[in-house]
Amino acid sequence: MLLCALSIFGIVALIATSLVQGSKLTLGLFGWKFFLSSGWDPINGNFGALPFIYGTLVTSAVSLVIAVPLAVGVAIFITEMCPKMLRGPLAFLTELLAAIPSVVYGLWGVFVLVPLLRQYVNPALMKTLGWTGLFQGPNLGIGMFAAGVILAIMILPIISSLTREVMIAVPYTQREAVLALGATRWEMIRMGVLRNARIGIVGSVILGLGRALGETMAVTMVIGNSAASISKSLLAPGYSMASVIANEFSEATSDTHTSALIEIGLALFIITILVNALARLLVWAVTRGAPPRVA
């Protein structure tokens, strides 16, 4: 059993070692400037990962803005307000979203979501929020906003299910104590449940962020894949770290190009591990390590 457990560490170590070995060429040529440069020219051997880092961060941020309120609202309803008859089916359907393959989300995004955004959502956003500069330019449907919406749907079940588990871990004595003091139902949820579960909720959000950072196929199919562009507008096409690896790795003709893509993978690997470790730590702090405080 010990060997089985240690094999996990061995697999992670092998992945990290192979990524470091594969990216040695660009690590030596560009150093830290690789992550601060925006040029991406495989023909002339000039590589910079900044546009891909920007696209990854923007799409992940959009997904969190959309998914977090919805996920927390779903978790509150299922845990505190939903009739017992519907609690099981709703929880099952919510978690079922996490089982749908990424490529299916991508196909749905291309054939359903993108036309809806292009015809209805984007024009409304351009009309009301165009002055911010975030919704300007040609309305193509595909772009960083479409990728963010797809990611929001994909991370919603993760955040919702973990938030629900953390809320369930709050003792019912907390709820009863707040209600006994004359609080309304919403005040009980806000002060007796959410206040004690807030660290775990933050942990679930960070875990959802880790999923959004590393998502590949669905994002690749709707983000537009515009390599060397950093645009303020969310409607503009972009590129993420995962999607550039998926699109260009099989077409890389030079050792430098391959090494640059592997270095992007190494950066994404490290970021994902750190984000997931932080999320697990925060969730553990609520569910095991931190006793609930009196509201």
C-alpha atoms as a PDB file:
ATOM      1  CA  MET A   1       0.000   0.000   0.000  1.00  0.00           C
ATOM      2  CA  LEU A   2       2.907   2.337   0.762  1.00  0.00           C
ATOM      3  CA  LEU A   3       4.398   1.665  -2.665  1.00  0.00           C
ATOM      4  CA  CYS A   4       1.048   2.384  -4.299  1.00  0.00           C
ATOM      5  CA  ALA A   5       0.870   5.712  -2.506  1.00  0.00           C
ATOM      6  CA  LEU A   6       4.487   6.602  -3.325  1.00  0.00           C
ATOM      7  CA  SER A   7       3.865   5.821  -7.000  1.00  0.00           C
ATOM      8  CA  ILE A   8       1.767   8.998  -7.199  1.00  0.00           C
ATOM      9  CA  PHE A   9       4.755  11.082  -6.123  1.00  0.00           C
ATOM     10  CA  GLY A  10       6.877   9.178  -8.614  1.00  0.00           C
ATOM     11  CA  ILE A  11       4.519   9.972 -11.483  1.00  0.00           C
ATOM     12  CA  VAL A  12       4.473  13.664 -10.602  1.00  0.00           C
ATOM     13  CA  ALA A  13       8.264  13.709 -10.311  1.00  0.00           C
ATOM     14  CA  LEU A  14       8.633  12.018 -13.710  1.00  0.00           C
ATOM     15  CA  ILE A  15       6.294  14.536 -15.341  1.00  0.00           C
ATOM     16  CA  ALA A  16       8.174  17.471 -13.788  1.00  0.00           C
ATOM     17  CA  THR A  17      11.551  16.012 -14.786  1.00  0.00           C
ATOM     18  CA  SER A  18      10.500  15.439 -18.398  1.00  0.00           C
ATOM     19  CA  LEU A  19       9.113  18.983 -18.653  1.00  0.00           C
ATOM     20  CA  VAL A  20      12.302  20.508 -17.249  1.00  0.00           C
ATOM     21  CA  GLN A  21      14.486  18.413 -19.553  1.00  0.00           C
ATOM     22  CA  GLY A  22      12.369  19.301 -22.582  1.00  0.00           C
ATOM     23  CA  SER A  23      12.435  23.053 -21.892  1.00  0.00           C
ATOM     24  CA  LYS A  24      16.173  23.389 -21.177  1.00  0.00           C
ATOM     25  CA  LEU A  25      16.848  24.893 -24.600  1.00  0.00           C
ATOM     26  CA  THR A  26      14.512  27.867 -24.243  1.00  0.00           C
ATOM     27  CA  LEU A  27      15.333  28.243 -20.546  1.00  0.00           C
ATOM     28  CA  GLY A  28      18.936  28.822 -21.571  1.00  0.00           C
ATOM     29  CA  LEU A  29      18.142  31.036 -24.578  1.00  0.00           C
ATOM     30  CA  PHE A  30      15.459  33.334 -23.154  1.00  0.00           C
ATOM     31  CA  GLY A  31      15.487  32.906 -19.367  1.00  0.00           C
ATOM     32  CA  TRP A  32      12.745  34.755 -17.522  1.00  0.00           C
ATOM     33  CA  LYS A  33      12.239  37.066 -20.526  1.00  0.00           C
ATOM     34  CA  PHE A  34      10.330  34.195 -22.124  1.00  0.00           C
ATOM     35  CA  PHE A  35       7.359  34.934 -19.840  1.00  0.00           C
ATOM     36  CA  LEU A  36       7.514  38.714 -20.380  1.00  0.00           C
ATOM     37  CA  SER A  37       7.884  38.826 -24.165  1.00  0.00           C
ATOM     38  CA  SER A  38       4.897  38.943 -26.518  1.00  0.00           C
ATOM     39  CA  GLY A  39       6.627  37.856 -29.712  1.00  0.00           C
ATOM     40  CA  TRP A  40       5.832  34.415 -31.110  1.00  0.00           C
ATOM     41  CA  ASP A  41       7.620  33.777 -34.401  1.00  0.00           C
ATOM     42  CA  PRO A  42       8.538  30.111 -34.944  1.00  0.00           C
ATOM     43  CA  ILE A  43      10.145  30.893 -38.329  1.00  0.00           C
ATOM     44  CA  ASN A  44      12.727  33.292 -36.878  1.00  0.00           C
ATOM     45  CA  GLY A  45      13.051  31.462 -33.550  1.00  0.00           C
ATOM     46  CA  ASN A  46      11.587  34.268 -31.442  1.00  0.00           C
ATOM     47  CA  PHE A  47       9.293  33.065 -28.648  1.00  0.00           C
ATOM     48  CA  GLY A  48       7.431  34.744 -25.812  1.00  0.00           C
ATOM     49  CA  ALA A  49       4.629  33.389 -23.647  1.00  0.00           C
ATOM     50  CA  LEU A  50       3.011  36.629 -22.493  1.00  0.00           C
ATOM     51  CA  PRO A  51      -0.015  36.525 -24.893  1.00  0.00           C
ATOM     52  CA  PHE A  52      -0.817  32.983 -23.782  1.00  0.00           C
ATOM     53  CA  ILE A  53      -0.467  33.812 -20.090  1.00  0.00           C
ATOM     54  CA  TYR A  54      -2.723  36.821 -20.627  1.00  0.00           C
ATOM     55  CA  GLY A  55      -5.354  34.754 -22.445  1.00  0.00           C
ATOM     56  CA  THR A  56      -5.291  32.100 -19.721  1.00  0.00           C
ATOM     57  CA  LEU A  57      -5.686  34.631 -16.911  1.00  0.00           C
ATOM     58  CA  VAL A  58      -8.439  36.599 -18.671  1.00  0.00           C
ATOM     59  CA  THR A  59     -10.572  33.581 -19.560  1.00  0.00           C
ATOM     60  CA  SER A  60     -10.134  32.145 -16.050  1.00  0.00           C
ATOM     61  CA  ALA A  61     -11.118  35.465 -14.464  1.00  0.00           C
ATOM     62  CA  VAL A  62     -14.241  35.716 -16.651  1.00  0.00           C
ATOM     63  CA  SER A  63     -15.206  32.165 -15.708  1.00  0.00           C
ATOM     64  CA  LEU A  64     -14.877  32.905 -11.989  1.00  0.00           C
ATOM     65  CA  VAL A  65     -16.949  36.085 -12.247  1.00  0.00           C
ATOM     66  CA  ILE A  66     -19.768  34.106 -13.860  1.00  0.00           C
ATOM     67  CA  ALA A  67     -19.461  30.780 -12.029  1.00  0.00           C
ATOM     68  CA  VAL A  68     -18.864  31.796  -8.399  1.00  0.00           C
ATOM     69  CA  PRO A  69     -22.231  33.537  -7.740  1.00  0.00           C
ATOM     70  CA  LEU A  70     -24.122  30.777  -9.548  1.00  0.00           C
ATOM     71  CA  ALA A  71     -22.258  27.956  -7.804  1.00  0.00           C
ATOM     72  CA  VAL A  72     -22.601  29.460  -4.331  1.00  0.00           C
ATOM     73  CA  GLY A  73     -26.295  30.149  -4.977  1.00  0.00           C
ATOM     74  CA  VAL A  74     -26.864  26.557  -6.083  1.00  0.00           C
ATOM     75  CA  ALA A  75     -25.025  25.244  -3.017  1.00  0.00           C
ATOM     76  CA  ILE A  76     -27.061  27.457  -0.654  1.00  0.00           C
ATOM     77  CA  PHE A  77     -30.333  26.394  -2.243  1.00  0.00           C
ATOM     78  CA  ILE A  78     -29.565  22.666  -2.191  1.00  0.00           C
ATOM     79  CA  THR A  79     -28.198  22.733   1.358  1.00  0.00           C
ATOM     80  CA  GLU A  80     -30.547  25.143   3.118  1.00  0.00           C
ATOM     81  CA  MET A  81     -33.701  25.760   1.073  1.00  0.00           C
ATOM     82  CA  CYS A  82     -34.369  22.861  -1.285  1.00  0.00           C
ATOM     83  CA  PRO A  83     -37.157  20.375  -0.435  1.00  0.00           C
ATOM     84  CA  LYS A  84     -35.775  16.947   0.449  1.00  0.00           C
ATOM     85  CA  MET A  85     -37.519  15.418  -2.558  1.00  0.00           C
ATOM     86  CA  LEU A  86     -35.515  17.592  -4.977  1.00  0.00           C
ATOM     87  CA  ARG A  87     -32.225  17.754  -3.072  1.00  0.00           C
ATOM     88  CA  GLY A  88     -30.827  14.471  -4.395  1.00  0.00           C
ATOM     89  CA  PRO A  89     -31.787  14.949  -8.078  1.00  0.00           C
ATOM     90  CA  LEU A  90     -30.520  18.545  -8.136  1.00  0.00           C
ATOM     91  CA  ALA A  91     -27.212  17.579  -6.548  1.00  0.00           C
ATOM     92  CA  PHE A  92     -26.852  14.708  -9.027  1.00  0.00           C
ATOM     93  CA  LEU A  93     -27.587  16.896 -12.049  1.00  0.00           C
ATOM     94  CA  THR A  94     -25.159  19.559 -10.850  1.00  0.00           C
ATOM     95  CA  GLU A  95     -22.349  17.051 -10.410  1.00  0.00           C
ATOM     96  CA  LEU A  96     -23.228  15.465 -13.760  1.00  0.00           C
ATOM     97  CA  LEU A  97     -21.928  18.592 -15.471  1.00  0.00           C
ATOM     98  CA  ALA A  98     -18.430  17.656 -14.274  1.00  0.00           C
ATOM     99  CA  ALA A  99     -18.653  14.276 -16.054  1.00  0.00           C
ATOM    100  CA  ILE A 100     -19.298  15.720 -19.516  1.00  0.00           C
ATOM    101  CA  PRO A 101     -16.162  15.456 -21.711  1.00  0.00           C
ATOM    102  CA  SER A 102     -14.390  18.670 -22.579  1.00  0.00           C
ATOM    103  CA  VAL A 103     -14.741  18.147 -26.327  1.00  0.00           C
ATOM    104  CA  VAL A 104     -18.531  17.894 -25.925  1.00  0.00           C
ATOM    105  CA  TYR A 105     -18.520  21.282 -24.207  1.00  0.00           C
ATOM    106  CA  GLY A 106     -16.441  22.586 -27.104  1.00  0.00           C
ATOM    107  CA  LEU A 107     -18.868  21.293 -29.729  1.00  0.00           C
ATOM    108  CA  TRP A 108     -21.806  22.731 -27.812  1.00  0.00           C
ATOM    109  CA  GLY A 109     -19.949  26.012 -27.590  1.00  0.00           C
ATOM    110  CA  VAL A 110     -19.253  26.154 -31.330  1.00  0.00           C
ATOM    111  CA  PHE A 111     -22.750  25.213 -32.505  1.00  0.00           C
ATOM    112  CA  VAL A 112     -24.946  26.680 -29.748  1.00  0.00           C
ATOM    113  CA  LEU A 113     -23.143  29.131 -27.448  1.00  0.00           C
ATOM    114  CA  VAL A 114     -21.191  31.111 -30.041  1.00  0.00           C
ATOM    115  CA  PRO A 115     -24.276  31.884 -32.211  1.00  0.00           C
ATOM    116  CA  LEU A 116     -26.224  32.906 -29.088  1.00  0.00           C
ATOM    117  CA  LEU A 117     -23.431  35.221 -27.960  1.00  0.00           C
ATOM    118  CA  ARG A 118     -23.001  36.704 -31.434  1.00  0.00           C
ATOM    119  CA  GLN A 119     -26.710  37.339 -31.969  1.00  0.00           C
ATOM    120  CA  TYR A 120     -28.009  38.324 -28.523  1.00  0.00           C
ATOM    121  CA  VAL A 121     -25.488  38.639 -25.683  1.00  0.00           C
ATOM    122  CA  ASN A 122     -22.541  40.422 -27.283  1.00  0.00           C
ATOM    123  CA  PRO A 123     -24.620  43.215 -28.905  1.00  0.00           C
ATOM    124  CA  ALA A 124     -26.265  43.926 -25.549  1.00  0.00           C
ATOM    125  CA  LEU A 125     -22.899  44.001 -23.788  1.00  0.00           C
ATOM    126  CA  MET A 126     -21.425  46.250 -26.474  1.00  0.00           C
ATOM    127  CA  LYS A 127     -24.349  48.636 -26.099  1.00  0.00           C
ATOM    128  CA  THR A 128     -24.351  48.840 -22.296  1.00  0.00           C
ATOM    129  CA  LEU A 129     -20.694  48.242 -21.358  1.00  0.00           C
ATOM    130  CA  GLY A 130     -18.874  49.221 -24.535  1.00  0.00           C
ATOM    131  CA  TRP A 131     -17.627  52.414 -22.858  1.00  0.00           C
ATOM    132  CA  THR A 132     -15.406  50.307 -20.575  1.00  0.00           C
ATOM    133  CA  GLY A 133     -13.399  49.018 -23.530  1.00  0.00           C
ATOM    134  CA  LEU A 134     -14.027  45.414 -22.469  1.00  0.00           C
ATOM    135  CA  PHE A 135     -16.705  44.819 -25.099  1.00  0.00           C
ATOM    136  CA  GLN A 136     -15.550  46.524 -28.277  1.00  0.00           C
ATOM    137  CA  GLY A 137     -14.475  45.512 -31.747  1.00  0.00           C
ATOM    138  CA  PRO A 138     -15.923  43.050 -34.240  1.00  0.00           C
ATOM    139  CA  ASN A 139     -18.639  40.751 -32.916  1.00  0.00           C
ATOM    140  CA  LEU A 140     -17.297  37.368 -34.062  1.00  0.00           C
ATOM    141  CA  GLY A 141     -18.894  35.282 -31.336  1.00  0.00           C
ATOM    142  CA  ILE A 142     -15.670  33.368 -30.711  1.00  0.00           C
ATOM    143  CA  GLY A 143     -13.143  34.976 -28.396  1.00  0.00           C
ATOM    144  CA  MET A 144     -12.014  35.202 -24.800  1.00  0.00           C
ATOM    145  CA  PHE A 145     -15.522  35.934 -23.496  1.00  0.00           C
ATOM    146  CA  ALA A 146     -16.930  32.794 -25.136  1.00  0.00           C
ATOM    147  CA  ALA A 147     -14.072  30.761 -23.646  1.00  0.00           C
ATOM    148  CA  GLY A 148     -14.794  32.261 -20.227  1.00  0.00           C
ATOM    149  CA  VAL A 149     -18.471  31.313 -20.445  1.00  0.00           C
ATOM    150  CA  ILE A 150     -17.587  27.715 -21.390  1.00  0.00           C
ATOM    151  CA  LEU A 151     -15.129  27.519 -18.490  1.00  0.00           C
ATOM    152  CA  ALA A 152     -17.754  28.921 -16.100  1.00  0.00           C
ATOM    153  CA  ILE A 153     -20.121  26.078 -16.962  1.00  0.00           C
ATOM    154  CA  MET A 154     -17.325  23.533 -16.556  1.00  0.00           C
ATOM    155  CA  ILE A 155     -16.113  24.718 -13.137  1.00  0.00           C
ATOM    156  CA  LEU A 156     -19.594  25.400 -11.720  1.00  0.00           C
ATOM    157  CA  PRO A 157     -20.122  21.803 -10.460  1.00  0.00           C
ATOM    158  CA  ILE A 158     -16.682  21.763  -8.801  1.00  0.00           C
ATOM    159  CA  ILE A 159     -17.259  24.963  -6.844  1.00  0.00           C
ATOM    160  CA  SER A 160     -20.867  24.081  -6.057  1.00  0.00           C
ATOM    161  CA  SER A 161     -20.186  20.576  -4.772  1.00  0.00           C
ATOM    162  CA  LEU A 162     -17.233  21.609  -2.585  1.00  0.00           C
ATOM    163  CA  THR A 163     -19.156  24.594  -1.233  1.00  0.00           C
ATOM    164  CA  ARG A 164     -22.029  22.279  -0.387  1.00  0.00           C
ATOM    165  CA  GLU A 165     -19.713  19.899   1.475  1.00  0.00           C
ATOM    166  CA  VAL A 166     -18.205  22.751   3.464  1.00  0.00           C
ATOM    167  CA  MET A 167     -21.639  24.134   4.347  1.00  0.00           C
ATOM    168  CA  ILE A 168     -22.822  20.692   5.465  1.00  0.00           C
ATOM    169  CA  ALA A 169     -19.752  20.492   7.733  1.00  0.00           C
ATOM    170  CA  VAL A 170     -20.996  23.539   9.700  1.00  0.00           C
ATOM    171  CA  PRO A 171     -22.756  22.118  12.815  1.00  0.00           C
ATOM    172  CA  TYR A 172     -26.523  22.513  12.963  1.00  0.00           C
ATOM    173  CA  THR A 173     -26.108  24.011  16.443  1.00  0.00           C
ATOM    174  CA  GLN A 174     -24.782  27.111  14.679  1.00  0.00           C
ATOM    175  CA  ARG A 175     -27.985  27.424  12.693  1.00  0.00           C
ATOM    176  CA  GLU A 176     -30.168  26.809  15.740  1.00  0.00           C
ATOM    177  CA  ALA A 177     -28.242  29.330  17.819  1.00  0.00           C
ATOM    178  CA  VAL A 178     -28.647  32.104  15.245  1.00  0.00           C
ATOM    179  CA  LEU A 179     -32.353  31.346  14.767  1.00  0.00           C
ATOM    180  CA  ALA A 180     -32.875  31.309  18.537  1.00  0.00           C
ATOM    181  CA  LEU A 181     -31.543  34.872  18.689  1.00  0.00           C
ATOM    182  CA  GLY A 182     -34.340  35.998  16.357  1.00  0.00           C
ATOM    183  CA  ALA A 183     -32.523  35.987  13.017  1.00  0.00           C
ATOM    184  CA  THR A 184     -34.381  35.471   9.770  1.00  0.00           C
ATOM    185  CA  ARG A 185     -33.640  32.509   7.538  1.00  0.00           C
ATOM    186  CA  TRP A 186     -31.319  34.524   5.306  1.00  0.00           C
ATOM    187  CA  GLU A 187     -29.542  36.039   8.311  1.00  0.00           C
ATOM    188  CA  MET A 188     -29.032  32.528   9.666  1.00  0.00           C
ATOM    189  CA  ILE A 189     -27.488  31.428   6.355  1.00  0.00           C
ATOM    190  CA  ARG A 190     -25.326  34.530   6.104  1.00  0.00           C
ATOM    191  CA  MET A 191     -24.090  34.667   9.708  1.00  0.00           C
ATOM    192  CA  GLY A 192     -24.348  31.097  10.903  1.00  0.00           C
ATOM    193  CA  VAL A 193     -23.321  29.174   7.781  1.00  0.00           C
ATOM    194  CA  LEU A 194     -21.508  31.296   5.208  1.00  0.00           C
ATOM    195  CA  ARG A 195     -19.393  33.096   7.793  1.00  0.00           C
ATOM    196  CA  ASN A 196     -18.056  29.810   9.151  1.00  0.00           C
ATOM    197  CA  ALA A 197     -17.656  28.264   5.721  1.00  0.00           C
ATOM    198  CA  ARG A 198     -16.044  31.224   3.973  1.00  0.00           C
ATOM    199  CA  ILE A 199     -12.489  29.809   3.995  1.00  0.00           C
ATOM    200  CA  GLY A 200     -13.715  26.564   2.476  1.00  0.00           C
ATOM    201  CA  ILE A 201     -15.716  28.464  -0.134  1.00  0.00           C
ATOM    202  CA  VAL A 202     -12.587  30.385  -1.098  1.00  0.00           C
ATOM    203  CA  GLY A 203     -10.780  27.058  -1.325  1.00  0.00           C
ATOM    204  CA  SER A 204     -13.432  25.660  -3.661  1.00  0.00           C
ATOM    205  CA  VAL A 205     -13.171  28.782  -5.833  1.00  0.00           C
ATOM    206  CA  ILE A 206      -9.395  28.369  -6.076  1.00  0.00           C
ATOM    207  CA  LEU A 207      -9.830  24.697  -6.954  1.00  0.00           C
ATOM    208  CA  GLY A 208     -12.222  25.734  -9.727  1.00  0.00           C
ATOM    209  CA  LEU A 209      -9.611  28.240 -10.868  1.00  0.00           C
ATOM    210  CA  GLY A 210      -7.095  25.414 -11.116  1.00  0.00           C
ATOM    211  CA  ARG A 211      -9.467  23.531 -13.421  1.00  0.00           C
ATOM    212  CA  ALA A 212     -10.057  26.644 -15.529  1.00  0.00           C
ATOM    213  CA  LEU A 213      -6.331  27.330 -15.926  1.00  0.00           C
ATOM    214  CA  GLY A 214      -5.602  23.907 -17.369  1.00  0.00           C
ATOM    215  CA  GLU A 215      -8.664  23.336 -19.550  1.00  0.00           C
ATOM    216  CA  THR A 216      -7.719  22.646 -23.168  1.00  0.00           C
ATOM    217  CA  MET A 217     -10.146  21.340 -25.781  1.00  0.00           C
ATOM    218  CA  ALA A 218     -13.260  23.383 -25.025  1.00  0.00           C
ATOM    219  CA  VAL A 219     -11.226  26.589 -24.810  1.00  0.00           C
ATOM    220  CA  THR A 220      -9.285  25.796 -27.982  1.00  0.00           C
ATOM    221  CA  MET A 221     -12.512  25.402 -29.950  1.00  0.00           C
ATOM    222  CA  VAL A 222     -14.062  28.772 -28.999  1.00  0.00           C
ATOM    223  CA  ILE A 223     -11.246  31.189 -28.034  1.00  0.00           C
ATOM    224  CA  GLY A 224     -10.322  32.069 -31.621  1.00  0.00           C
ATOM    225  CA  ASN A 225      -6.611  31.106 -31.444  1.00  0.00           C
ATOM    226  CA  SER A 226      -5.024  34.464 -32.251  1.00  0.00           C
ATOM    227  CA  ALA A 227      -1.431  33.897 -31.175  1.00  0.00           C
ATOM    228  CA  ALA A 228       0.464  37.156 -30.721  1.00  0.00           C
ATOM    229  CA  SER A 229      -2.363  39.442 -29.633  1.00  0.00           C
ATOM    230  CA  ILE A 230      -3.071  41.064 -26.285  1.00  0.00           C
ATOM    231  CA  SER A 231      -6.395  42.853 -26.507  1.00  0.00           C
ATOM    232  CA  LYS A 232      -8.335  44.690 -23.828  1.00  0.00           C
ATOM    233  CA  SER A 233     -11.634  43.656 -25.393  1.00  0.00           C
ATOM    234  CA  LEU A 234     -13.046  40.349 -24.184  1.00  0.00           C
ATOM    235  CA  LEU A 235     -14.732  39.859 -27.553  1.00  0.00           C
ATOM    236  CA  ALA A 236     -11.393  39.651 -29.345  1.00  0.00           C
ATOM    237  CA  PRO A 237      -9.869  36.262 -30.229  1.00  0.00           C
ATOM    238  CA  GLY A 238      -7.043  35.075 -28.023  1.00  0.00           C
ATOM    239  CA  TYR A 239      -4.931  32.109 -27.032  1.00  0.00           C
ATOM    240  CA  SER A 240      -4.408  30.239 -23.773  1.00  0.00           C
ATOM    241  CA  MET A 241      -1.381  28.311 -22.548  1.00  0.00           C
ATOM    242  CA  ALA A 242      -3.121  24.960 -22.914  1.00  0.00           C
ATOM    243  CA  SER A 243      -4.634  25.691 -26.310  1.00  0.00           C
ATOM    244  CA  VAL A 244      -1.352  26.797 -27.900  1.00  0.00           C
ATOM    245  CA  ILE A 245       0.232  23.504 -26.833  1.00  0.00           C
ATOM    246  CA  ALA A 246      -2.680  21.523 -28.275  1.00  0.00           C
ATOM    247  CA  ASN A 247      -2.631  23.455 -31.571  1.00  0.00           C
ATOM    248  CA  GLU A 248       1.092  23.747 -32.310  1.00  0.00           C
ATOM    249  CA  PHE A 249       2.895  20.843 -30.651  1.00  0.00           C
ATOM    250  CA  SER A 250       2.286  18.403 -33.504  1.00  0.00           C
ATOM    251  CA  GLU A 251       3.341  21.066 -36.040  1.00  0.00           C
ATOM    252  CA  ALA A 252       6.542  22.208 -34.311  1.00  0.00           C
ATOM    253  CA  THR A 253       9.403  21.813 -36.798  1.00  0.00           C
ATOM    254  CA  SER A 254      12.352  23.115 -34.771  1.00  0.00           C
ATOM    255  CA  ASP A 255      13.828  22.104 -31.434  1.00  0.00           C
ATOM    256  CA  THR A 256      13.406  25.666 -30.151  1.00  0.00           C
ATOM    257  CA  HIS A 257       9.709  25.709 -31.009  1.00  0.00           C
ATOM    258  CA  THR A 258       9.153  22.366 -29.271  1.00  0.00           C
ATOM    259  CA  SER A 259      11.150  23.490 -26.242  1.00  0.00           C
ATOM    260  CA  ALA A 260       9.120  26.714 -26.010  1.00  0.00           C
ATOM    261  CA  LEU A 261       5.860  24.771 -25.987  1.00  0.00           C
ATOM    262  CA  ILE A 262       7.197  22.387 -23.333  1.00  0.00           C
ATOM    263  CA  GLU A 263       8.260  25.356 -21.196  1.00  0.00           C
ATOM    264  CA  ILE A 264       4.719  26.722 -21.411  1.00  0.00           C
ATOM    265  CA  GLY A 265       3.539  23.307 -20.246  1.00  0.00           C
ATOM    266  CA  LEU A 266       6.009  23.418 -17.355  1.00  0.00           C
ATOM    267  CA  ALA A 267       4.726  26.827 -16.252  1.00  0.00           C
ATOM    268  CA  LEU A 268       1.124  25.631 -16.472  1.00  0.00           C
ATOM    269  CA  PHE A 269       2.021  22.459 -14.538  1.00  0.00           C
ATOM    270  CA  ILE A 270       3.599  24.435 -11.689  1.00  0.00           C
ATOM    271  CA  ILE A 271       0.752  26.963 -11.519  1.00  0.00           C
ATOM    272  CA  THR A 272      -1.885  24.222 -11.463  1.00  0.00           C
ATOM    273  CA  ILE A 273      -0.137  22.299  -8.673  1.00  0.00           C
ATOM    274  CA  LEU A 274       0.227  25.428  -6.540  1.00  0.00           C
ATOM    275  CA  VAL A 275      -3.384  26.488  -7.061  1.00  0.00           C
ATOM    276  CA  ASN A 276      -4.756  23.029  -6.255  1.00  0.00           C
ATOM    277  CA  ALA A 277      -2.539  22.676  -3.176  1.00  0.00           C
ATOM    278  CA  LEU A 278      -3.716  26.045  -1.855  1.00  0.00           C
ATOM    279  CA  ALA A 279      -7.349  25.137  -2.482  1.00  0.00           C
ATOM    280  CA  ARG A 280      -7.053  21.788  -0.706  1.00  0.00           C
ATOM    281  CA  LEU A 281      -5.377  23.482   2.242  1.00  0.00           C
ATOM    282  CA  LEU A 282      -8.169  26.025   2.595  1.00  0.00           C
ATOM    283  CA  VAL A 283     -10.886  23.380   2.347  1.00  0.00           C
ATOM    284  CA  TRP A 284      -9.103  21.238   4.939  1.00  0.00           C
ATOM    285  CA  ALA A 285      -8.877  24.220   7.263  1.00  0.00           C
ATOM    286  CA  VAL A 286     -12.670  24.404   7.404  1.00  0.00           C
ATOM    287  CA  THR A 287     -13.686  20.766   7.261  1.00  0.00           C
ATOM    288  CA  ARG A 288     -11.027  19.343   9.613  1.00  0.00           C
ATOM    289  CA  GLY A 289      -8.572  21.785  11.060  1.00  0.00           C
ATOM    290  CA  ALA A 290     -10.628  24.802  12.109  1.00  0.00           C
ATOM    291  CA  PRO A 291     -13.444  24.508  14.647  1.00  0.00           C
ATOM    292  CA  PRO A 292     -16.508  26.570  13.708  1.00  0.00           C
ATOM    293  CA  ARG A 293     -16.715  29.929  15.375  1.00  0.00           C
ATOM    294  CA  VAL A 294     -19.802  31.251  17.113  1.00  0.00           C
ATOM    295  CA  ALA A 295     -21.650  33.689  14.894  1.00  0.00           C
END
